[in-house]
Amino acid sequence: MDFEFSYKTRTSDIEKIKGNPCDVLIVGGGITGAGAANILAANGLKVVLAEKGDFASGTSSGSSKLIHGGLRYLAQGEIMEVRSLLKERNYLTANTEIVKPMDFHILVDQYSWRKGTLRFGLYLYNLLSGKFSIPRFRENHGLYPESVKGYFVYNDSYTDDSLLVISNIVTAKMHGAVCLNYVEAVDFSTRDSGSEVTLLDHTTGKKFSVEPEVIINAAGPWAGEISSKLNLKLEHGLKLSKGIHLVVPADKIPVKNAIAFRTYIDKRQMFIIPRGEVVHIGTTDTFTNEPDDFNITDEDVDYIVKSVSHLFPALRKEDVITSFCGIRPLFGEGNDPGSVTRDFEVRMRGNVLSILGGKITNYRTASQDTALKVSEMLGMKLKVKGLPVIEYRRPDLSLPERIEYEIYHECPVYTEDIMRRREAARIYTLDMGKSIEPVVREQVQKAGMLKG
């Protein structure tokens, strides 16, 4: 690849944009901000994206890593939402190497939905995804505990959520966008000619400003905080739901397929997802008032372990290698986080667009809706159909070469940016990446990056 996107170019990019006008400033470097940057930069707009942490360091690296239509949303009557999500799942699975299909077993026991209900729901799910397929019930012949009568098989997809974000970010950069991690929007002011936004570079402590015509609030769980800084009120409010996942060794839950089941504790749906050396299990779904509430309690761990050990008795609390957490931004009504819609809304107020709610699965739809509103605000026609497209591909290289490639093409700033997001070894390996850490640190030192 003949361009560089690194800690070094990040510094020169800041010098290039400081004090200057731009078409669009995107606040937030998660999946919605990354998708918006990709589609707008592909249209030739002058785009600046500012993320206060690393790209994908919030909700977009704390998801279940599933690209799916939301089978349980059918029970809530959200048929059109499921259809839209399945359309996006099919597109991403067919058009990216980052999203891959996976078989799921949905278990039938005394805590599950009834067998007939599941059969009809899966039939409708298949139909909405474009497949005419009648689901077949399979008897349990020792694969699961005797309490499980059997299971249905259905198909969804999984991804590396951090890589999905970063690939959109790098593609946006390839089209000319300035994408800055560890840069926070700290102050917004209105001028005769538009807006001035003060940005803080957390790596140096220095502030600088940009003058955007349009501001996009894509801060996810922090969208409420950004709205407050912009003196905008969210009439219906943004609800935050905390989802916690545990990482355990694969030999404790020796399955090749993913599993969906309802926990015996409170009948919430949970997932068991094999990811190579490890298995991810979860998730919780509880309201929180703080977008930075990544605290994982013993009660949370006990809840997940007890739910899963009911099916796989070998699993113990001490088997948990690590855990990760994501805060879901929900925009809708309801006192139960599980019943609040996972749809999104793009709201326009003056020269500000706020992307509220949504899922990683429908980020392209959110990006398209955002681009259409930017088109309206700027009075210019933008291409939306078929976008955003991921053009960045990470080549197949040896470990040292791959780390070096990530350093110069994916703009990590610190060692942990590689360990947690570019490689994501902290959650995909038995040793939490300890075996590759010396290689990473060697390449970081060689490149002259910050080491924190």
Protein backbone atom coordinates (compact mmCIF):
# COMPACT_ATOMS: atom_id res chain seq x y z
CA MET A 1 0.00 0.00 0.00
CA ASP A 2 1.50 3.31 -1.10
CA PHE A 3 0.24 5.55 1.68
CA GLU A 4 1.04 5.85 5.36
CA PHE A 5 -1.44 6.24 8.21
CA SER A 6 0.53 6.21 11.43
CA TYR A 7 1.46 8.05 14.60
CA LYS A 8 3.74 10.21 12.46
CA THR A 9 1.13 11.15 9.86
CA ARG A 10 -1.31 11.84 12.66
CA THR A 11 0.95 14.69 13.81
CA SER A 12 1.21 16.16 10.32
CA ASP A 13 -2.56 15.82 9.81
CA ILE A 14 -3.20 17.92 12.92
CA GLU A 15 -0.88 20.63 11.62
CA LYS A 16 -2.69 20.55 8.28
CA ILE A 17 -6.21 21.08 9.63
CA LYS A 18 -5.70 23.32 12.68
CA GLY A 19 -7.53 26.62 12.37
CA ASN A 20 -8.93 25.68 8.96
CA PRO A 21 -12.45 25.09 7.64
CA CYS A 22 -13.79 21.65 6.72
CA ASP A 23 -17.06 20.36 5.34
CA VAL A 24 -17.80 17.91 8.14
CA LEU A 25 -16.47 17.20 11.62
CA ILE A 26 -17.41 13.76 12.96
CA VAL A 27 -17.20 13.40 16.73
CA GLY A 28 -16.72 9.72 17.55
CA GLY A 29 -14.56 6.98 16.04
CA GLY A 30 -16.76 3.95 16.63
CA ILE A 31 -18.57 2.09 13.88
CA THR A 32 -21.14 4.81 13.10
CA GLY A 33 -18.53 7.56 12.92
CA ALA A 34 -16.21 5.34 10.87
CA GLY A 35 -18.98 4.44 8.43
CA ALA A 36 -20.02 8.09 8.06
CA ALA A 37 -16.40 9.16 7.46
CA ASN A 38 -16.02 6.44 4.82
CA ILE A 39 -19.12 7.37 2.82
CA LEU A 40 -18.59 11.15 3.04
CA ALA A 41 -14.88 11.00 2.15
CA ALA A 42 -15.71 8.75 -0.82
CA ASN A 43 -17.90 11.64 -2.03
CA GLY A 44 -14.93 14.01 -1.96
CA LEU A 45 -15.94 16.03 1.11
CA LYS A 46 -13.32 17.47 3.42
CA VAL A 47 -13.89 15.28 6.47
CA VAL A 48 -12.30 15.41 9.92
CA LEU A 49 -13.02 12.65 12.45
CA ALA A 50 -12.06 13.11 16.10
CA GLU A 51 -12.13 10.24 18.60
CA LYS A 52 -11.20 10.93 22.23
CA GLY A 53 -9.70 7.45 22.68
CA ASP A 54 -8.45 4.97 20.14
CA PHE A 55 -10.64 4.08 17.19
CA ALA A 56 -13.21 1.45 18.29
CA SER A 57 -12.17 1.82 21.92
CA GLY A 58 -15.75 2.15 23.23
CA THR A 59 -18.85 0.13 22.42
CA SER A 60 -17.50 -0.93 19.03
CA SER A 61 -14.88 -3.21 20.58
CA GLY A 62 -17.14 -4.38 23.42
CA SER A 63 -19.90 -5.96 21.36
CA SER A 64 -20.83 -9.63 21.07
CA LYS A 65 -19.01 -9.57 17.68
CA LEU A 66 -22.21 -10.75 15.99
CA ILE A 67 -23.63 -9.46 12.72
CA HIS A 68 -27.20 -10.63 12.94
CA GLY A 69 -30.84 -9.85 12.32
CA GLY A 70 -31.91 -10.09 15.95
CA LEU A 71 -34.01 -13.23 16.10
CA ARG A 72 -35.52 -12.24 19.44
CA TYR A 73 -36.71 -8.92 17.98
CA LEU A 74 -39.36 -10.89 16.11
CA ALA A 75 -41.00 -11.64 19.45
CA GLN A 76 -41.25 -7.87 19.95
CA GLY A 77 -42.99 -7.44 16.59
CA GLU A 78 -40.06 -5.59 14.95
CA ILE A 79 -40.39 -7.44 11.64
CA MET A 80 -39.23 -4.61 9.39
CA GLU A 81 -36.24 -3.92 11.65
CA VAL A 82 -35.23 -7.60 11.47
CA ARG A 83 -35.63 -7.58 7.70
CA SER A 84 -33.38 -4.52 7.41
CA LEU A 85 -30.75 -6.04 9.72
CA LEU A 86 -30.76 -9.31 7.79
CA LYS A 87 -30.27 -7.43 4.53
CA GLU A 88 -27.19 -5.77 6.03
CA ARG A 89 -25.95 -9.07 7.46
CA ASN A 90 -26.20 -10.67 4.02
CA TYR A 91 -24.36 -7.76 2.38
CA LEU A 92 -21.52 -7.69 4.90
CA THR A 93 -21.09 -11.46 4.84
CA ALA A 94 -20.95 -11.50 1.03
CA ASN A 95 -18.78 -8.41 0.54
CA THR A 96 -16.21 -8.33 3.34
CA GLU A 97 -13.63 -10.78 4.60
CA ILE A 98 -14.18 -9.50 8.14
CA VAL A 99 -17.73 -10.84 8.46
CA LYS A 100 -18.16 -14.61 8.25
CA PRO A 101 -21.12 -17.02 8.57
CA MET A 102 -21.57 -19.23 11.63
CA ASP A 103 -24.05 -21.96 12.55
CA PHE A 104 -26.04 -21.46 15.75
CA HIS A 105 -27.86 -24.06 17.82
CA ILE A 106 -30.87 -22.58 19.58
CA LEU A 107 -31.65 -24.88 22.48
CA VAL A 108 -35.09 -26.15 23.46
CA ASP A 109 -35.68 -26.85 27.15
CA GLN A 110 -38.14 -25.81 29.86
CA TYR A 111 -36.76 -22.26 29.85
CA SER A 112 -36.83 -21.68 26.09
CA TRP A 113 -39.61 -20.52 23.86
CA ARG A 114 -41.92 -23.35 22.85
CA LYS A 115 -40.77 -25.60 20.03
CA GLY A 116 -43.60 -24.50 17.74
CA THR A 117 -42.90 -20.84 18.46
CA LEU A 118 -39.23 -21.31 17.67
CA ARG A 119 -39.96 -23.20 14.46
CA PHE A 120 -42.26 -20.43 13.21
CA GLY A 121 -39.85 -17.69 14.33
CA LEU A 122 -36.91 -19.33 12.55
CA TYR A 123 -39.02 -19.92 9.44
CA LEU A 124 -39.91 -16.22 9.38
CA TYR A 125 -36.27 -15.29 10.11
CA ASN A 126 -35.09 -17.36 7.14
CA LEU A 127 -37.82 -15.93 4.93
CA LEU A 128 -36.91 -12.34 5.83
CA SER A 129 -33.29 -13.11 4.98
CA GLY A 130 -34.25 -14.33 1.50
CA LYS A 131 -34.25 -18.07 2.16
CA PHE A 132 -37.23 -20.39 1.92
CA SER A 133 -36.16 -22.93 4.50
CA ILE A 134 -38.29 -24.80 7.04
CA PRO A 135 -36.27 -25.31 10.24
CA ARG A 136 -35.93 -28.89 11.45
CA PHE A 137 -35.91 -29.85 15.11
CA ARG A 138 -33.03 -32.13 16.10
CA GLU A 139 -33.24 -34.41 19.10
CA ASN A 140 -30.55 -34.12 21.75
CA HIS A 141 -28.59 -37.38 21.80
CA GLY A 142 -25.98 -36.56 24.42
CA LEU A 143 -24.61 -33.37 22.91
CA TYR A 144 -26.20 -31.35 25.73
CA PRO A 145 -27.48 -32.21 29.24
CA GLU A 146 -30.62 -34.33 29.49
CA SER A 147 -32.66 -31.23 30.38
CA VAL A 148 -32.19 -30.04 26.78
CA LYS A 149 -34.79 -31.75 24.59
CA GLY A 150 -33.09 -30.75 21.36
CA TYR A 151 -32.23 -27.78 19.17
CA PHE A 152 -32.82 -25.96 15.92
CA VAL A 153 -29.96 -24.90 13.66
CA TYR A 154 -29.90 -21.46 12.07
CA ASN A 155 -27.26 -19.26 10.47
CA ASP A 156 -25.98 -15.81 11.39
CA SER A 157 -22.57 -14.13 11.13
CA TYR A 158 -19.71 -12.98 13.34
CA THR A 159 -16.94 -10.44 12.98
CA ASP A 160 -13.92 -8.78 14.54
CA ASP A 161 -15.70 -5.57 15.51
CA SER A 162 -12.52 -3.53 16.06
CA LEU A 163 -11.15 -4.49 12.64
CA LEU A 164 -14.48 -3.62 11.01
CA VAL A 165 -14.23 -0.11 12.47
CA ILE A 166 -10.56 0.35 11.65
CA SER A 167 -11.04 -0.88 8.08
CA ASN A 168 -13.70 1.79 7.55
CA ILE A 169 -11.42 4.39 9.15
CA VAL A 170 -8.47 3.46 6.92
CA THR A 171 -10.72 3.46 3.83
CA ALA A 172 -11.90 6.97 4.77
CA LYS A 173 -8.25 8.00 5.11
CA MET A 174 -7.52 6.55 1.66
CA HIS A 175 -10.22 8.89 0.31
CA GLY A 176 -8.66 11.92 1.98
CA ALA A 177 -10.37 12.10 5.39
CA VAL A 178 -8.34 13.23 8.40
CA CYS A 179 -9.03 10.65 11.12
CA LEU A 180 -7.57 11.41 14.55
CA ASN A 181 -7.54 9.14 17.57
CA TYR A 182 -6.88 10.49 21.07
CA VAL A 183 -8.35 13.85 20.02
CA GLU A 184 -11.38 15.06 21.97
CA ALA A 185 -13.93 17.72 21.05
CA VAL A 186 -13.96 19.85 24.19
CA ASP A 187 -15.72 23.07 23.18
CA PHE A 188 -18.21 24.19 20.54
CA SER A 189 -18.93 27.79 19.59
CA THR A 190 -20.98 29.50 16.90
CA ARG A 191 -19.51 32.06 14.55
CA ASP A 192 -21.02 34.17 11.76
CA SER A 193 -19.51 31.85 9.17
CA GLY A 194 -20.44 28.62 10.97
CA SER A 195 -18.99 26.72 13.91
CA GLU A 196 -15.64 26.56 15.64
CA VAL A 197 -14.77 23.42 17.54
CA THR A 198 -11.87 23.21 19.96
CA LEU A 199 -10.09 19.87 19.91
CA LEU A 200 -7.69 18.53 22.54
CA ASP A 201 -4.84 16.22 21.53
CA HIS A 202 -4.51 13.93 24.55
CA THR A 203 -1.02 12.78 23.50
CA THR A 204 0.45 16.28 23.82
CA GLY A 205 -2.12 18.18 25.91
CA LYS A 206 -2.33 20.84 23.19
CA LYS A 207 -5.55 22.35 21.84
CA PHE A 208 -6.38 23.42 18.31
CA SER A 209 -9.55 24.29 16.42
CA VAL A 210 -11.37 23.46 13.21
CA GLU A 211 -14.28 25.24 11.52
CA PRO A 212 -16.81 22.72 10.19
CA GLU A 213 -19.94 23.51 8.20
CA VAL A 214 -21.60 20.38 9.58
CA ILE A 215 -21.00 18.61 12.89
CA ILE A 216 -21.92 14.93 13.22
CA ASN A 217 -22.43 13.66 16.74
CA ALA A 218 -21.50 9.97 16.40
CA ALA A 219 -20.34 9.53 19.98
CA GLY A 220 -22.53 6.51 20.74
CA PRO A 221 -23.05 6.27 24.52
CA TRP A 222 -21.44 9.70 24.87
CA ALA A 223 -23.87 11.32 22.39
CA GLY A 224 -25.79 12.86 25.31
CA GLU A 225 -22.63 14.52 26.63
CA ILE A 226 -21.80 15.95 23.21
CA SER A 227 -25.39 17.18 22.83
CA SER A 228 -25.06 19.01 26.16
CA LYS A 229 -21.84 20.68 24.99
CA LEU A 230 -23.71 21.76 21.87
CA ASN A 231 -26.62 23.08 24.01
CA LEU A 232 -28.96 20.60 22.35
CA LYS A 233 -31.54 18.66 24.35
CA LEU A 234 -32.49 15.09 23.55
CA GLU A 235 -36.25 15.21 24.13
CA HIS A 236 -36.75 11.47 24.54
CA GLY A 237 -33.39 10.80 26.13
CA LEU A 238 -30.67 8.28 25.39
CA LYS A 239 -30.80 5.07 27.40
CA LEU A 240 -27.59 3.19 28.12
CA SER A 241 -27.42 -0.55 28.58
CA LYS A 242 -24.34 -2.39 29.81
CA GLY A 243 -23.43 -5.70 28.19
CA ILE A 244 -20.73 -7.87 29.75
CA HIS A 245 -18.96 -10.84 28.15
CA LEU A 246 -16.64 -13.42 29.69
CA VAL A 247 -13.74 -15.14 27.93
CA VAL A 248 -13.07 -18.77 28.87
CA PRO A 249 -10.85 -21.55 27.46
CA ALA A 250 -12.34 -23.41 24.51
CA ASP A 251 -11.86 -26.78 26.20
CA LYS A 252 -14.32 -25.79 28.94
CA ILE A 253 -17.09 -25.46 26.34
CA PRO A 254 -15.97 -27.76 23.50
CA VAL A 255 -18.33 -26.73 20.71
CA LYS A 256 -17.70 -25.85 17.06
CA ASN A 257 -20.97 -23.98 16.56
CA ALA A 258 -22.38 -21.03 18.47
CA ILE A 259 -25.23 -21.57 20.93
CA ALA A 260 -28.24 -19.40 21.72
CA PHE A 261 -30.22 -20.26 24.85
CA ARG A 262 -32.36 -18.72 27.54
CA THR A 263 -30.83 -18.74 31.00
CA TYR A 264 -32.67 -20.65 33.72
CA ILE A 265 -32.17 -17.67 36.04
CA ASP A 266 -34.45 -15.14 34.33
CA LYS A 267 -35.04 -16.48 30.79
CA ARG A 268 -32.86 -13.84 29.13
CA GLN A 269 -31.34 -14.94 25.83
CA MET A 270 -27.60 -15.54 25.98
CA PHE A 271 -24.90 -16.63 23.53
CA ILE A 272 -21.94 -19.00 23.61
CA ILE A 273 -19.60 -18.12 20.74
CA PRO A 274 -16.42 -20.10 19.92
CA ARG A 275 -13.52 -17.87 18.84
CA GLY A 276 -10.55 -20.17 18.27
CA GLU A 277 -8.59 -20.76 21.47
CA VAL A 278 -11.35 -19.23 23.57
CA VAL A 279 -15.10 -18.98 23.87
CA HIS A 280 -17.01 -15.73 24.47
CA ILE A 281 -20.10 -16.02 26.66
CA GLY A 282 -22.70 -13.44 27.61
CA THR A 283 -24.25 -11.03 27.75
CA THR A 284 -25.91 -8.97 30.45
CA ASP A 285 -28.36 -6.21 29.58
CA THR A 286 -28.77 -3.70 32.41
CA PHE A 287 -29.40 0.03 32.39
CA THR A 288 -26.60 2.33 33.48
CA ASN A 289 -26.43 6.10 33.80
CA GLU A 290 -22.75 6.44 32.90
CA PRO A 291 -21.23 5.89 29.43
CA ASP A 292 -17.89 5.16 31.13
CA ASP A 293 -19.34 2.49 33.45
CA PHE A 294 -17.13 -0.42 32.39
CA ASN A 295 -17.06 -1.89 35.89
CA ILE A 296 -17.68 -5.65 35.93
CA THR A 297 -18.95 -6.93 39.25
CA ASP A 298 -18.75 -10.37 40.85
CA GLU A 299 -22.53 -10.52 40.50
CA ASP A 300 -22.22 -10.03 36.74
CA VAL A 301 -19.64 -12.81 36.45
CA ASP A 302 -21.67 -15.14 38.70
CA TYR A 303 -24.79 -14.56 36.60
CA ILE A 304 -23.10 -15.52 33.34
CA VAL A 305 -21.12 -18.45 34.76
CA LYS A 306 -24.17 -19.93 36.51
CA SER A 307 -26.25 -19.54 33.37
CA VAL A 308 -23.71 -21.37 31.21
CA SER A 309 -22.60 -24.00 33.75
CA HIS A 310 -26.22 -25.15 33.85
CA LEU A 311 -25.48 -26.50 30.35
CA PHE A 312 -21.73 -27.12 30.71
CA PRO A 313 -21.10 -28.16 34.33
CA ALA A 314 -17.31 -28.22 33.88
CA LEU A 315 -17.25 -24.41 33.73
CA ARG A 316 -16.20 -22.69 36.95
CA LYS A 317 -15.77 -19.05 37.88
CA GLU A 318 -12.01 -19.53 38.18
CA ASP A 319 -11.90 -20.59 34.51
CA VAL A 320 -12.67 -17.04 33.38
CA ILE A 321 -9.58 -15.66 31.61
CA THR A 322 -10.80 -12.11 31.22
CA SER A 323 -13.92 -10.10 30.43
CA PHE A 324 -14.97 -7.16 28.31
CA CYS A 325 -17.85 -4.73 28.40
CA GLY A 326 -19.77 -2.55 25.98
CA ILE A 327 -22.30 0.20 26.64
CA ARG A 328 -25.20 0.06 24.17
CA PRO A 329 -26.72 3.41 23.18
CA LEU A 330 -30.48 2.83 23.00
CA PHE A 331 -32.88 5.45 21.70
CA GLY A 332 -36.47 4.56 22.47
CA GLU A 333 -39.08 3.94 25.12
CA GLY A 334 -39.24 1.11 27.64
CA ASN A 335 -38.32 0.18 31.21
CA ASP A 336 -36.59 -3.05 30.21
CA PRO A 337 -33.37 -2.67 28.18
CA GLY A 338 -34.21 -5.86 26.30
CA SER A 339 -37.44 -4.34 24.99
CA VAL A 340 -35.99 -1.00 23.78
CA THR A 341 -35.57 -0.94 20.00
CA ARG A 342 -32.10 -1.42 18.50
CA ASP A 343 -33.03 0.87 15.61
CA PHE A 344 -31.41 4.28 15.17
CA GLU A 345 -32.44 7.85 14.47
CA VAL A 346 -30.42 10.56 12.70
CA ARG A 347 -31.60 13.87 14.13
CA MET A 348 -30.93 17.27 12.55
CA ARG A 349 -30.69 20.45 14.67
CA GLY A 350 -29.19 23.49 12.94
CA ASN A 351 -25.86 22.39 11.51
CA VAL A 352 -25.63 19.38 13.85
CA LEU A 353 -26.55 15.80 13.03
CA SER A 354 -26.84 13.32 15.91
CA ILE A 355 -26.78 9.58 15.26
CA LEU A 356 -28.72 8.03 18.14
CA GLY A 357 -28.99 4.31 18.84
CA GLY A 358 -28.24 1.61 16.31
CA LYS A 359 -26.18 -1.58 16.10
CA ILE A 360 -22.94 -2.57 14.48
CA THR A 361 -24.99 -4.65 12.00
CA ASN A 362 -26.82 -1.62 10.55
CA TYR A 363 -23.95 0.87 10.55
CA ARG A 364 -24.10 1.18 6.74
CA THR A 365 -27.78 2.15 6.87
CA ALA A 366 -27.02 4.76 9.54
CA SER A 367 -24.14 6.06 7.41
CA GLN A 368 -26.37 6.35 4.36
CA ASP A 369 -29.11 8.22 6.26
CA THR A 370 -26.47 10.54 7.68
CA ALA A 371 -24.97 11.22 4.26
CA LEU A 372 -28.41 12.06 2.82
CA LYS A 373 -28.94 14.64 5.56
CA VAL A 374 -25.44 16.08 5.02
CA SER A 375 -26.33 16.35 1.34
CA GLU A 376 -29.43 18.35 2.27
CA MET A 377 -27.53 20.60 4.68
CA LEU A 378 -24.72 21.39 2.24
CA GLY A 379 -27.05 21.73 -0.75
CA MET A 380 -25.14 19.24 -2.85
CA LYS A 381 -25.85 15.80 -4.27
CA LEU A 382 -23.94 12.94 -2.68
CA LYS A 383 -23.72 9.35 -3.84
CA VAL A 384 -25.17 7.02 -1.24
CA LYS A 385 -26.27 3.84 -2.99
CA GLY A 386 -23.84 0.97 -2.50
CA LEU A 387 -21.74 2.92 0.02
CA PRO A 388 -19.83 2.72 2.26
CA VAL A 389 -17.49 0.13 0.76
CA ILE A 390 -14.50 -1.24 2.66
CA GLU A 391 -11.47 -0.96 0.38
CA TYR A 392 -8.76 -1.57 2.96
CA ARG A 393 -7.45 -5.12 3.24
CA ARG A 394 -4.85 -6.23 5.72
CA PRO A 395 -2.41 -8.54 3.86
CA ASP A 396 -1.46 -12.03 5.02
CA LEU A 397 1.91 -11.55 6.72
CA SER A 398 4.06 -13.12 9.42
CA LEU A 399 3.48 -11.79 12.94
CA PRO A 400 6.35 -9.25 13.01
CA GLU A 401 5.53 -8.05 9.49
CA ARG A 402 1.83 -7.81 10.33
CA ILE A 403 2.48 -5.72 13.44
CA GLU A 404 4.75 -3.42 11.44
CA TYR A 405 2.06 -3.12 8.76
CA GLU A 406 -0.57 -2.21 11.36
CA ILE A 407 1.72 0.44 12.83
CA TYR A 408 2.17 2.18 9.49
CA HIS A 409 -1.31 1.71 8.03
CA GLU A 410 -3.79 1.60 10.95
CA CYS A 411 -2.49 4.44 13.16
CA PRO A 412 -2.10 2.89 16.60
CA VAL A 413 -0.64 5.39 19.07
CA TYR A 414 0.16 3.15 22.03
CA THR A 415 1.19 -0.49 22.47
CA GLU A 416 -2.23 -1.36 23.90
CA ASP A 417 -3.92 -0.06 20.76
CA ILE A 418 -2.31 -3.00 18.97
CA MET A 419 -2.80 -5.55 21.74
CA ARG A 420 -6.47 -4.71 22.38
CA ARG A 421 -7.80 -3.63 18.99
CA ARG A 422 -5.48 -4.15 15.99
CA GLU A 423 -4.66 -7.72 17.13
CA ALA A 424 -7.36 -7.96 19.84
CA ALA A 425 -5.15 -10.61 21.43
CA ARG A 426 -6.37 -9.63 24.90
CA ILE A 427 -9.71 -11.32 24.20
CA TYR A 428 -8.94 -13.89 21.48
CA THR A 429 -6.05 -15.85 23.02
CA LEU A 430 -5.60 -18.07 26.06
CA ASP A 431 -2.66 -16.05 27.35
CA MET A 432 -4.32 -12.67 26.63
CA GLY A 433 -1.60 -11.90 24.10
CA LYS A 434 1.37 -12.28 26.45
CA SER A 435 3.22 -14.50 23.95
CA ILE A 436 3.09 -11.87 21.19
CA GLU A 437 3.68 -8.84 23.41
CA PRO A 438 7.50 -8.92 23.06
CA VAL A 439 7.14 -8.83 19.26
CA VAL A 440 4.67 -5.95 19.49
CA ARG A 441 6.88 -3.94 21.83
CA GLU A 442 9.90 -4.51 19.61
CA GLN A 443 8.04 -3.17 16.58
CA VAL A 444 6.63 -0.25 18.60
CA GLN A 445 10.12 0.72 19.74
CA LYS A 446 11.48 0.35 16.20
CA ALA A 447 8.76 2.67 14.84
CA GLY A 448 9.26 5.30 17.58
CA MET A 449 5.67 5.10 18.82
CA LEU A 450 4.46 6.01 22.29
CA LYS A 451 4.76 2.94 24.53
CA GLY A 452 1.99 3.42 27.08
